[in-house]
All heavy atoms as atom14 arrays in JSON, in Angstrom:
{
  "sequence": "TFSSYTMGWFRQAPGKEREFVAAINWSDGRTYYADSVKG",
  "atom14_mask": [
    [1, 1, 1, 1, 1, 1, 1, 0, 0, 0, 0, 0, 0, 0],
    [1, 1, 1, 1, 1, 1, 1, 1, 1, 1, 1, 0, 0, 0],
    [1, 1, 1, 1, 1, 1, 0, 0, 0, 0, 0, 0, 0, 0],
    [1, 1, 1, 1, 1, 1, 0, 0, 0, 0, 0, 0, 0, 0],
    [1, 1, 1, 1, 1, 1, 1, 1, 1, 1, 1, 1, 0, 0],
    [1, 1, 1, 1, 1, 1, 1, 0, 0, 0, 0, 0, 0, 0],
    [1, 1, 1, 1, 1, 1, 1, 1, 0, 0, 0, 0, 0, 0],
    [1, 1, 1, 1, 0, 0, 0, 0, 0, 0, 0, 0, 0, 0],
    [1, 1, 1, 1, 1, 1, 1, 1, 1, 1, 1, 1, 1, 1],
    [1, 1, 1, 1, 1, 1, 1, 1, 1, 1, 1, 0, 0, 0],
    [1, 1, 1, 1, 1, 1, 1, 1, 1, 1, 1, 0, 0, 0],
    [1, 1, 1, 1, 1, 1, 1, 1, 1, 0, 0, 0, 0, 0],
    [1, 1, 1, 1, 1, 0, 0, 0, 0, 0, 0, 0, 0, 0],
    [1, 1, 1, 1, 1, 1, 1, 0, 0, 0, 0, 0, 0, 0],
    [1, 1, 1, 1, 0, 0, 0, 0, 0, 0, 0, 0, 0, 0],
    [1, 1, 1, 1, 1, 1, 1, 1, 1, 0, 0, 0, 0, 0],
    [1, 1, 1, 1, 1, 1, 1, 1, 1, 0, 0, 0, 0, 0],
    [1, 1, 1, 1, 1, 1, 1, 1, 1, 1, 1, 0, 0, 0],
    [1, 1, 1, 1, 1, 1, 1, 1, 1, 0, 0, 0, 0, 0],
    [1, 1, 1, 1, 1, 1, 1, 1, 1, 1, 1, 0, 0, 0],
    [1, 1, 1, 1, 1, 1, 1, 0, 0, 0, 0, 0, 0, 0],
    [1, 1, 1, 1, 1, 0, 0, 0, 0, 0, 0, 0, 0, 0],
    [1, 1, 1, 1, 1, 0, 0, 0, 0, 0, 0, 0, 0, 0],
    [1, 1, 1, 1, 1, 1, 1, 1, 0, 0, 0, 0, 0, 0],
    [1, 1, 1, 1, 1, 1, 1, 1, 0, 0, 0, 0, 0, 0],
    [1, 1, 1, 1, 1, 1, 1, 1, 1, 1, 1, 1, 1, 1],
    [1, 1, 1, 1, 1, 1, 0, 0, 0, 0, 0, 0, 0, 0],
    [1, 1, 1, 1, 1, 1, 1, 1, 0, 0, 0, 0, 0, 0],
    [1, 1, 1, 1, 0, 0, 0, 0, 0, 0, 0, 0, 0, 0],
    [1, 1, 1, 1, 1, 1, 1, 1, 1, 1, 1, 0, 0, 0],
    [1, 1, 1, 1, 1, 1, 1, 0, 0, 0, 0, 0, 0, 0],
    [1, 1, 1, 1, 1, 1, 1, 1, 1, 1, 1, 1, 0, 0],
    [1, 1, 1, 1, 1, 1, 1, 1, 1, 1, 1, 1, 0, 0],
    [1, 1, 1, 1, 1, 0, 0, 0, 0, 0, 0, 0, 0, 0],
    [1, 1, 1, 1, 1, 1, 1, 1, 0, 0, 0, 0, 0, 0],
    [1, 1, 1, 1, 1, 1, 0, 0, 0, 0, 0, 0, 0, 0],
    [1, 1, 1, 1, 1, 1, 1, 0, 0, 0, 0, 0, 0, 0],
    [1, 1, 1, 1, 1, 1, 1, 1, 1, 0, 0, 0, 0, 0],
    [1, 1, 1, 1, 0, 0, 0, 0, 0, 0, 0, 0, 0, 0]
  ],
  "atom14_positions": [
    [[3.79, -17.95, -7.03], [4.32, -16.75, -7.85], [3.33, -15.64, -7.85], [2.19, -15.9, -7.98], [4.59, -17.27, -9.26], [5.49, -18.31, -9.27], [5.13, -16.13, -10.09], [0.0, 0.0, 0.0], [0.0, 0.0, 0.0], [0.0, 0.0, 0.0], [0.0, 0.0, 0.0], [0.0, 0.0, 0.0], [0.0, 0.0, 0.0], [0.0, 0.0, 0.0]],
    [[3.82, -14.5, -7.55], [2.97, -13.23, -7.42], [3.22, -12.25, -8.56], [3.07, -11.08, -8.33], [3.25, -12.63, -6.08], [3.0, -13.59, -4.88], [4.18, -14.21, -4.36], [1.77, -13.85, -4.41], [3.96, -15.05, -3.25], [1.55, -14.73, -3.37], [2.69, -15.32, -2.84], [0.0, 0.0, 0.0], [0.0, 0.0, 0.0], [0.0, 0.0, 0.0]],
    [[3.58, -12.71, -9.74], [4.0, -11.78, -10.8], [2.9, -10.81, -11.26], [3.2, -9.78, -11.76], [4.42, -12.64, -11.98], [3.38, -13.43, -12.44], [0.0, 0.0, 0.0], [0.0, 0.0, 0.0], [0.0, 0.0, 0.0], [0.0, 0.0, 0.0], [0.0, 0.0, 0.0], [0.0, 0.0, 0.0], [0.0, 0.0, 0.0], [0.0, 0.0, 0.0]],
    [[1.63, -11.13, -11.06], [0.54, -10.27, -11.41], [-0.33, -9.71, -10.27], [-1.3, -9.12, -10.46], [-0.41, -10.96, -12.35], [-1.0, -12.13, -11.8], [0.0, 0.0, 0.0], [0.0, 0.0, 0.0], [0.0, 0.0, 0.0], [0.0, 0.0, 0.0], [0.0, 0.0, 0.0], [0.0, 0.0, 0.0], [0.0, 0.0, 0.0], [0.0, 0.0, 0.0]],
    [[0.2, -9.86, -9.13], [-0.41, -9.4, -7.88], [-0.01, -7.98, -7.48], [0.88, -7.42, -8.0], [-0.07, -10.29, -6.72], [-0.64, -11.65, -6.78], [-0.62, -12.45, -7.91], [-1.34, -12.24, -5.61], [-1.2, -13.78, -7.97], [-1.9, -13.57, -5.66], [-1.81, -14.31, -6.81], [-2.31, -15.59, -6.88], [0.0, 0.0, 0.0], [0.0, 0.0, 0.0]],
    [[-0.84, -7.4, -6.57], [-0.48, -6.18, -5.93], [-0.03, -6.45, -4.52], [-0.69, -7.14, -3.78], [-1.72, -5.21, -5.87], [-2.05, -4.85, -7.18], [-1.37, -3.94, -5.08], [0.0, 0.0, 0.0], [0.0, 0.0, 0.0], [0.0, 0.0, 0.0], [0.0, 0.0, 0.0], [0.0, 0.0, 0.0], [0.0, 0.0, 0.0], [0.0, 0.0, 0.0]],
    [[1.13, -5.83, -4.11], [1.6, -6.01, -2.77], [1.64, -4.59, -2.13], [2.12, -3.7, -2.65], [3.04, -6.57, -2.77], [3.15, -7.93, -3.43], [4.83, -8.71, -3.31], [4.94, -8.92, -1.43], [0.0, 0.0, 0.0], [0.0, 0.0, 0.0], [0.0, 0.0, 0.0], [0.0, 0.0, 0.0], [0.0, 0.0, 0.0], [0.0, 0.0, 0.0]],
    [[1.01, -4.59, -0.96], [0.83, -3.28, -0.3], [1.15, -3.32, 1.14], [1.45, -4.35, 1.76], [0.0, 0.0, 0.0], [0.0, 0.0, 0.0], [0.0, 0.0, 0.0], [0.0, 0.0, 0.0], [0.0, 0.0, 0.0], [0.0, 0.0, 0.0], [0.0, 0.0, 0.0], [0.0, 0.0, 0.0], [0.0, 0.0, 0.0], [0.0, 0.0, 0.0]],
    [[1.17, -2.1, 1.74], [1.46, -1.84, 3.07], [0.32, -1.23, 3.74], [-0.21, -0.25, 3.24], [2.72, -0.99, 3.3], [3.94, -1.78, 3.02], [4.78, -1.68, 1.78], [4.76, -2.54, 3.78], [5.76, -2.45, 1.85], [5.87, -3.0, 3.09], [4.59, -3.02, 5.17], [6.87, -3.97, 3.63], [5.53, -3.91, 5.64], [6.61, -4.29, 4.91]],
    [[-0.05, -1.61, 4.93], [-1.04, -0.95, 5.8], [-0.48, -0.82, 7.13], [0.53, -1.31, 7.5], [-2.23, -1.9, 5.89], [-3.01, -2.04, 4.55], [-2.57, -2.89, 3.58], [-4.21, -1.35, 4.28], [-3.22, -3.07, 2.38], [-4.96, -1.54, 3.13], [-4.4, -2.33, 2.14], [0.0, 0.0, 0.0], [0.0, 0.0, 0.0], [0.0, 0.0, 0.0]],
    [[-1.16, -0.02, 7.9], [-0.64, 0.34, 9.29], [-1.92, 0.45, 10.24], [-2.97, 0.9, 9.8], [0.3, 1.46, 9.41], [-0.33, 2.81, 9.16], [0.76, 3.84, 9.14], [0.2, 5.19, 8.89], [0.89, 6.25, 8.69], [2.19, 6.2, 8.77], [0.34, 7.5, 8.52], [0.0, 0.0, 0.0], [0.0, 0.0, 0.0], [0.0, 0.0, 0.0]],
    [[-1.68, 0.1, 11.51], [-2.76, 0.25, 12.5], [-2.08, 0.78, 13.76], [-1.27, 0.21, 14.34], [-3.44, -1.0, 12.75], [-4.7, -0.81, 13.62], [-5.62, -1.97, 13.7], [-5.11, -3.08, 13.4], [-6.86, -1.83, 14.14], [0.0, 0.0, 0.0], [0.0, 0.0, 0.0], [0.0, 0.0, 0.0], [0.0, 0.0, 0.0], [0.0, 0.0, 0.0]],
    [[-2.52, 2.03, 14.2], [-2.08, 2.6, 15.43], [-3.01, 2.17, 16.6], [-4.2, 1.92, 16.26], [-1.97, 4.15, 15.3], [0.0, 0.0, 0.0], [0.0, 0.0, 0.0], [0.0, 0.0, 0.0], [0.0, 0.0, 0.0], [0.0, 0.0, 0.0], [0.0, 0.0, 0.0], [0.0, 0.0, 0.0], [0.0, 0.0, 0.0], [0.0, 0.0, 0.0]],
    [[-2.57, 2.23, 17.81], [-3.39, 1.97, 18.91], [-4.69, 2.78, 18.92], [-4.56, 4.04, 18.81], [-2.54, 2.25, 20.16], [-1.15, 2.02, 19.68], [-1.23, 2.52, 18.21], [0.0, 0.0, 0.0], [0.0, 0.0, 0.0], [0.0, 0.0, 0.0], [0.0, 0.0, 0.0], [0.0, 0.0, 0.0], [0.0, 0.0, 0.0], [0.0, 0.0, 0.0]],
    [[-5.85, 2.19, 19.04], [-7.17, 2.92, 19.04], [-7.6, 3.43, 17.74], [-8.6, 4.11, 17.7], [0.0, 0.0, 0.0], [0.0, 0.0, 0.0], [0.0, 0.0, 0.0], [0.0, 0.0, 0.0], [0.0, 0.0, 0.0], [0.0, 0.0, 0.0], [0.0, 0.0, 0.0], [0.0, 0.0, 0.0], [0.0, 0.0, 0.0], [0.0, 0.0, 0.0]],
    [[-6.9, 3.1, 16.72], [-7.3, 3.53, 15.37], [-7.56, 2.41, 14.42], [-7.16, 1.3, 14.63], [-6.22, 4.49, 14.77], [-6.02, 5.75, 15.54], [-5.01, 6.68, 14.89], [-4.78, 7.96, 15.66], [-3.81, 8.85, 14.95], [0.0, 0.0, 0.0], [0.0, 0.0, 0.0], [0.0, 0.0, 0.0], [0.0, 0.0, 0.0], [0.0, 0.0, 0.0]],
    [[-8.24, 2.76, 13.37], [-8.5, 1.72, 12.29], [-7.33, 1.52, 11.46], [-6.52, 2.39, 11.3], [-9.7, 2.15, 11.45], [-11.0, 2.38, 12.24], [-11.56, 1.02, 12.69], [-11.41, 0.02, 12.02], [-12.11, 1.03, 13.89], [0.0, 0.0, 0.0], [0.0, 0.0, 0.0], [0.0, 0.0, 0.0], [0.0, 0.0, 0.0], [0.0, 0.0, 0.0]],
    [[-7.29, 0.37, 10.85], [-6.14, 0.08, 9.91], [-6.29, 0.93, 8.63], [-7.47, 1.27, 8.27], [-6.28, -1.51, 9.49], [-5.16, -1.86, 8.56], [-5.51, -3.36, 8.09], [-6.65, -3.29, 7.23], [-7.34, -4.41, 6.9], [-7.01, -5.54, 7.43], [-8.41, -4.32, 6.11], [0.0, 0.0, 0.0], [0.0, 0.0, 0.0], [0.0, 0.0, 0.0]],
    [[-5.19, 1.44, 8.17], [-5.23, 2.42, 7.1], [-4.25, 1.92, 6.0], [-3.17, 1.41, 6.32], [-4.97, 3.87, 7.48], [-3.61, 4.05, 8.04], [-3.3, 5.57, 8.38], [-4.11, 6.36, 7.82], [-2.44, 5.82, 9.13], [0.0, 0.0, 0.0], [0.0, 0.0, 0.0], [0.0, 0.0, 0.0], [0.0, 0.0, 0.0], [0.0, 0.0, 0.0]],
    [[-4.53, 2.29, 4.74], [-3.66, 1.97, 3.69], [-2.47, 2.93, 3.7], [-2.59, 4.1, 4.02], [-4.44, 2.2, 2.28], [-3.58, 2.12, 1.15], [-3.07, 0.94, 0.61], [-3.24, 3.32, 0.47], [-2.33, 0.86, -0.56], [-2.41, 3.31, -0.64], [-1.96, 2.11, -1.18], [0.0, 0.0, 0.0], [0.0, 0.0, 0.0], [0.0, 0.0, 0.0]],
    [[-1.32, 2.41, 3.34], [-0.08, 3.26, 3.34], [0.45, 3.4, 1.9], [0.67, 4.53, 1.5], [1.05, 2.7, 4.25], [2.2, 3.49, 4.16], [0.46, 2.66, 5.75], [0.0, 0.0, 0.0], [0.0, 0.0, 0.0], [0.0, 0.0, 0.0], [0.0, 0.0, 0.0], [0.0, 0.0, 0.0], [0.0, 0.0, 0.0], [0.0, 0.0, 0.0]],
    [[0.76, 2.35, 1.28], [1.37, 2.34, -0.01], [1.25, 0.92, -0.74], [1.02, -0.11, -0.02], [2.8, 2.7, 0.02], [0.0, 0.0, 0.0], [0.0, 0.0, 0.0], [0.0, 0.0, 0.0], [0.0, 0.0, 0.0], [0.0, 0.0, 0.0], [0.0, 0.0, 0.0], [0.0, 0.0, 0.0], [0.0, 0.0, 0.0], [0.0, 0.0, 0.0]],
    [[1.35, 0.81, -2.04], [1.24, -0.4, -2.71], [1.96, -0.29, -4.02], [2.11, 0.8, -4.6], [-0.3, -0.86, -2.9], [0.0, 0.0, 0.0], [0.0, 0.0, 0.0], [0.0, 0.0, 0.0], [0.0, 0.0, 0.0], [0.0, 0.0, 0.0], [0.0, 0.0, 0.0], [0.0, 0.0, 0.0], [0.0, 0.0, 0.0], [0.0, 0.0, 0.0]],
    [[2.29, -1.48, -4.54], [2.86, -1.59, -5.91], [2.15, -2.67, -6.61], [1.99, -3.83, -6.13], [4.42, -1.85, -5.86], [4.98, -1.89, -7.28], [4.77, -3.1, -5.05], [6.54, -1.84, -7.37], [0.0, 0.0, 0.0], [0.0, 0.0, 0.0], [0.0, 0.0, 0.0], [0.0, 0.0, 0.0], [0.0, 0.0, 0.0], [0.0, 0.0, 0.0]],
    [[1.79, -2.42, -7.87], [1.13, -3.36, -8.7], [2.09, -4.02, -9.62], [2.63, -3.32, -10.5], [0.0, -2.62, -9.5], [-0.88, -3.69, -10.24], [-0.56, -4.73, -10.55], [-2.24, -3.29, -10.44], [0.0, 0.0, 0.0], [0.0, 0.0, 0.0], [0.0, 0.0, 0.0], [0.0, 0.0, 0.0], [0.0, 0.0, 0.0], [0.0, 0.0, 0.0]],
    [[2.36, -5.24, -9.51], [3.4, -5.88, -10.34], [2.99, -5.94, -11.69], [3.83, -6.02, -12.61], [3.67, -7.31, -9.83], [4.33, -7.35, -8.47], [3.91, -8.07, -7.4], [5.52, -6.84, -8.09], [4.82, -7.97, -6.25], [5.8, -7.1, -6.75], [6.45, -5.83, -8.72], [6.9, -6.62, -6.02], [7.51, -5.41, -7.98], [7.75, -5.79, -6.72]],
    [[1.66, -5.97, -12.05], [1.36, -6.06, -13.5], [1.78, -4.92, -14.32], [1.94, -5.08, -15.54], [-0.18, -6.23, -13.49], [-0.84, -5.17, -13.12], [0.0, 0.0, 0.0], [0.0, 0.0, 0.0], [0.0, 0.0, 0.0], [0.0, 0.0, 0.0], [0.0, 0.0, 0.0], [0.0, 0.0, 0.0], [0.0, 0.0, 0.0], [0.0, 0.0, 0.0]],
    [[1.74, -3.71, -13.79], [2.13, -2.49, -14.52], [3.26, -1.64, -13.8], [3.56, -0.68, -14.41], [0.82, -1.63, -14.79], [0.08, -1.27, -13.63], [0.62, -1.36, -12.46], [-1.08, -0.86, -13.74], [0.0, 0.0, 0.0], [0.0, 0.0, 0.0], [0.0, 0.0, 0.0], [0.0, 0.0, 0.0], [0.0, 0.0, 0.0], [0.0, 0.0, 0.0]],
    [[3.59, -2.01, -12.62], [4.7, -1.28, -11.93], [4.18, -0.05, -11.31], [4.99, 0.71, -10.7], [0.0, 0.0, 0.0], [0.0, 0.0, 0.0], [0.0, 0.0, 0.0], [0.0, 0.0, 0.0], [0.0, 0.0, 0.0], [0.0, 0.0, 0.0], [0.0, 0.0, 0.0], [0.0, 0.0, 0.0], [0.0, 0.0, 0.0], [0.0, 0.0, 0.0]],
    [[2.87, 0.29, -11.33], [2.41, 1.49, -10.69], [2.43, 1.42, -9.17], [2.21, 0.35, -8.61], [0.96, 1.73, -11.2], [0.89, 2.07, -12.65], [-0.59, 2.26, -13.09], [-0.62, 2.67, -14.54], [-1.73, 2.77, -15.19], [-2.94, 2.59, -14.59], [-1.73, 3.09, -16.47], [0.0, 0.0, 0.0], [0.0, 0.0, 0.0], [0.0, 0.0, 0.0]],
    [[2.67, 2.55, -8.57], [2.69, 2.62, -7.03], [1.58, 3.53, -6.65], [1.2, 4.5, -7.38], [4.03, 3.14, -6.61], [4.42, 4.42, -7.3], [5.17, 2.15, -7.01], [0.0, 0.0, 0.0], [0.0, 0.0, 0.0], [0.0, 0.0, 0.0], [0.0, 0.0, 0.0], [0.0, 0.0, 0.0], [0.0, 0.0, 0.0], [0.0, 0.0, 0.0]],
    [[1.19, 3.44, -5.35], [0.11, 4.17, -4.84], [0.56, 4.56, -3.44], [1.09, 3.81, -2.7], [-1.16, 3.36, -4.87], [-1.51, 2.9, -6.22], [-1.06, 1.61, -6.67], [-2.35, 3.56, -7.07], [-1.34, 1.12, -7.94], [-2.71, 3.09, -8.3], [-2.13, 1.87, -8.75], [-2.49, 1.37, -9.93], [0.0, 0.0, 0.0], [0.0, 0.0, 0.0]],
    [[0.18, 5.78, -2.99], [0.48, 6.2, -1.62], [-0.77, 6.92, -0.96], [-1.51, 7.62, -1.58], [1.66, 7.18, -1.64], [2.86, 6.58, -2.2], [3.2, 6.68, -3.53], [3.74, 5.91, -1.35], [4.43, 6.14, -4.05], [4.91, 5.37, -1.89], [5.2, 5.46, -3.21], [6.41, 4.89, -3.79], [0.0, 0.0, 0.0], [0.0, 0.0, 0.0]],
    [[-0.86, 6.78, 0.35], [-1.75, 7.55, 1.14], [-1.26, 8.99, 1.21], [-0.08, 9.16, 1.11], [-1.93, 6.99, 2.51], [0.0, 0.0, 0.0], [0.0, 0.0, 0.0], [0.0, 0.0, 0.0], [0.0, 0.0, 0.0], [0.0, 0.0, 0.0], [0.0, 0.0, 0.0], [0.0, 0.0, 0.0], [0.0, 0.0, 0.0], [0.0, 0.0, 0.0]],
    [[-2.09, 9.95, 1.25], [-1.71, 11.31, 1.29], [-0.81, 11.61, 2.43], [0.04, 12.49, 2.4], [-2.94, 12.26, 1.36], [-3.67, 12.28, 0.03], [-3.09, 11.95, -1.01], [-4.91, 12.7, 0.01], [0.0, 0.0, 0.0], [0.0, 0.0, 0.0], [0.0, 0.0, 0.0], [0.0, 0.0, 0.0], [0.0, 0.0, 0.0], [0.0, 0.0, 0.0]],
    [[-1.0, 10.91, 3.58], [-0.25, 11.13, 4.85], [1.2, 10.83, 4.72], [2.04, 11.31, 5.48], [-0.84, 10.39, 5.99], [-0.96, 9.0, 5.73], [0.0, 0.0, 0.0], [0.0, 0.0, 0.0], [0.0, 0.0, 0.0], [0.0, 0.0, 0.0], [0.0, 0.0, 0.0], [0.0, 0.0, 0.0], [0.0, 0.0, 0.0], [0.0, 0.0, 0.0]],
    [[1.54, 9.91, 3.74], [2.94, 9.52, 3.57], [3.61, 9.96, 2.28], [4.75, 9.78, 2.05], [3.15, 7.95, 3.75], [2.52, 7.56, 5.1], [2.5, 7.32, 2.58], [0.0, 0.0, 0.0], [0.0, 0.0, 0.0], [0.0, 0.0, 0.0], [0.0, 0.0, 0.0], [0.0, 0.0, 0.0], [0.0, 0.0, 0.0], [0.0, 0.0, 0.0]],
    [[2.75, 10.51, 1.42], [3.33, 10.86, 0.03], [4.45, 11.9, 0.23], [4.34, 12.86, 0.89], [2.18, 11.41, -0.78], [2.43, 11.59, -2.26], [1.18, 12.0, -3.0], [0.07, 11.01, -2.85], [-1.19, 11.4, -3.62], [0.0, 0.0, 0.0], [0.0, 0.0, 0.0], [0.0, 0.0, 0.0], [0.0, 0.0, 0.0], [0.0, 0.0, 0.0]],
    [[5.53, 11.71, -0.51], [6.71, 12.48, -0.45], [7.7, 12.06, 0.62], [8.85, 12.57, 0.56], [0.0, 0.0, 0.0], [0.0, 0.0, 0.0], [0.0, 0.0, 0.0], [0.0, 0.0, 0.0], [0.0, 0.0, 0.0], [0.0, 0.0, 0.0], [0.0, 0.0, 0.0], [0.0, 0.0, 0.0], [0.0, 0.0, 0.0], [0.0, 0.0, 0.0]]
  ]
}
């Protein structure tokens, strides 16, 4: 059960480092976004 966990998305393009994309925190429902994908 992951009721209090954070579930997120990351991505990695060829030749680049892995980067954070977005996440949702189940404990409070808050979401987070990288500036590159916001909106």
